[in-house]
């Protein structure tokens, strides 16, 4: 297994968060749509582990009109 294979591994349950996206009642029964999120720190730690502390960065760019 290469170090890059580590990027494909699932995250631990403790690194995940579950949040409701929407809830409601249909036919008298409650329902909920729940989404799973990976904690940002878990992603940063994984990138540090694979690429090294100083060998990756995140960038943000703003595009006009969503292009």
Protein backbone atom coordinates (compact mmCIF):
# COMPACT_ATOMS: atom_id res chain seq x y z
CA UNK A 1 0.00 0.00 0.00
CA UNK A 2 1.37 3.41 -0.95
CA UNK A 3 1.01 6.48 1.19
CA UNK A 4 -1.50 7.84 -1.35
CA UNK A 5 -3.75 4.83 -0.72
CA UNK A 6 -4.30 6.32 2.74
CA UNK A 7 -6.39 9.03 1.04
CA UNK A 8 -8.93 6.39 -0.01
CA UNK A 9 -9.42 4.94 3.46
CA UNK A 10 -12.66 5.69 5.28
CA UNK A 11 -12.59 8.08 8.19
CA UNK A 12 -13.17 6.87 11.74
CA UNK A 13 -16.63 7.27 13.21
CA UNK A 14 -15.21 9.78 15.70
CA UNK A 15 -14.20 12.02 12.76
CA UNK A 16 -17.72 12.16 11.35
CA UNK A 17 -20.66 14.36 12.24
CA UNK A 18 -24.31 13.74 11.41
CA UNK A 19 -26.60 16.69 10.83
CA UNK A 20 -30.24 16.91 9.81
CA UNK A 21 -30.75 18.52 6.41
CA UNK A 22 -34.53 18.51 6.47
CA UNK A 23 -37.33 17.12 8.57
CA UNK A 24 -41.06 16.87 8.23
CA UNK A 25 -44.21 14.86 8.62
CA UNK A 26 -45.72 12.83 5.79
CA UNK A 27 -48.92 10.81 6.16
CA UNK A 28 -48.82 11.49 9.88
CA UNK A 29 -45.31 10.03 10.28
CA UNK A 30 -42.17 12.04 11.06
CA UNK A 31 -39.20 11.74 8.70
CA UNK A 32 -35.70 13.19 8.54
CA UNK A 33 -32.91 13.39 5.98
CA UNK A 34 -29.58 13.18 7.77
CA UNK A 35 -26.24 14.02 6.12
CA UNK A 36 -22.82 12.81 7.15
CA UNK A 37 -19.95 15.31 7.25
CA UNK A 38 -16.23 14.70 7.71
CA UNK A 39 -14.67 17.08 10.21
CA UNK A 40 -12.32 19.58 8.57
CA UNK A 41 -9.61 18.75 11.11
CA UNK A 42 -9.77 15.06 10.11
CA UNK A 43 -9.19 16.01 6.47
CA UNK A 44 -6.31 18.31 7.39
CA UNK A 45 -4.72 15.59 9.52
CA UNK A 46 -5.02 13.08 6.66
CA UNK A 47 -3.39 15.48 4.19
CA UNK A 48 -0.60 16.23 6.68
CA UNK A 49 0.00 12.50 7.13
CA UNK A 50 0.16 11.78 3.38
CA UNK A 51 1.86 14.89 2.01
CA UNK A 52 3.63 16.38 5.02
CA UNK A 53 2.84 19.47 7.05
CA UNK A 54 4.14 21.97 4.51
CA UNK A 55 3.41 20.17 1.25
CA UNK A 56 -0.25 21.01 0.65
CA UNK A 57 -2.51 24.04 0.91
CA UNK A 58 -6.09 24.99 0.35
CA UNK A 59 -7.05 27.80 -1.94
CA UNK A 60 -10.26 29.64 -2.56
CA UNK A 61 -11.15 31.53 -5.68
CA UNK A 62 -14.21 33.50 -6.41
CA UNK A 63 -15.64 33.21 -9.87
CA UNK A 64 -17.86 35.77 -11.44
CA UNK A 65 -21.41 34.52 -12.07
CA UNK A 66 -20.55 31.05 -10.81
CA UNK A 67 -18.38 30.28 -13.87
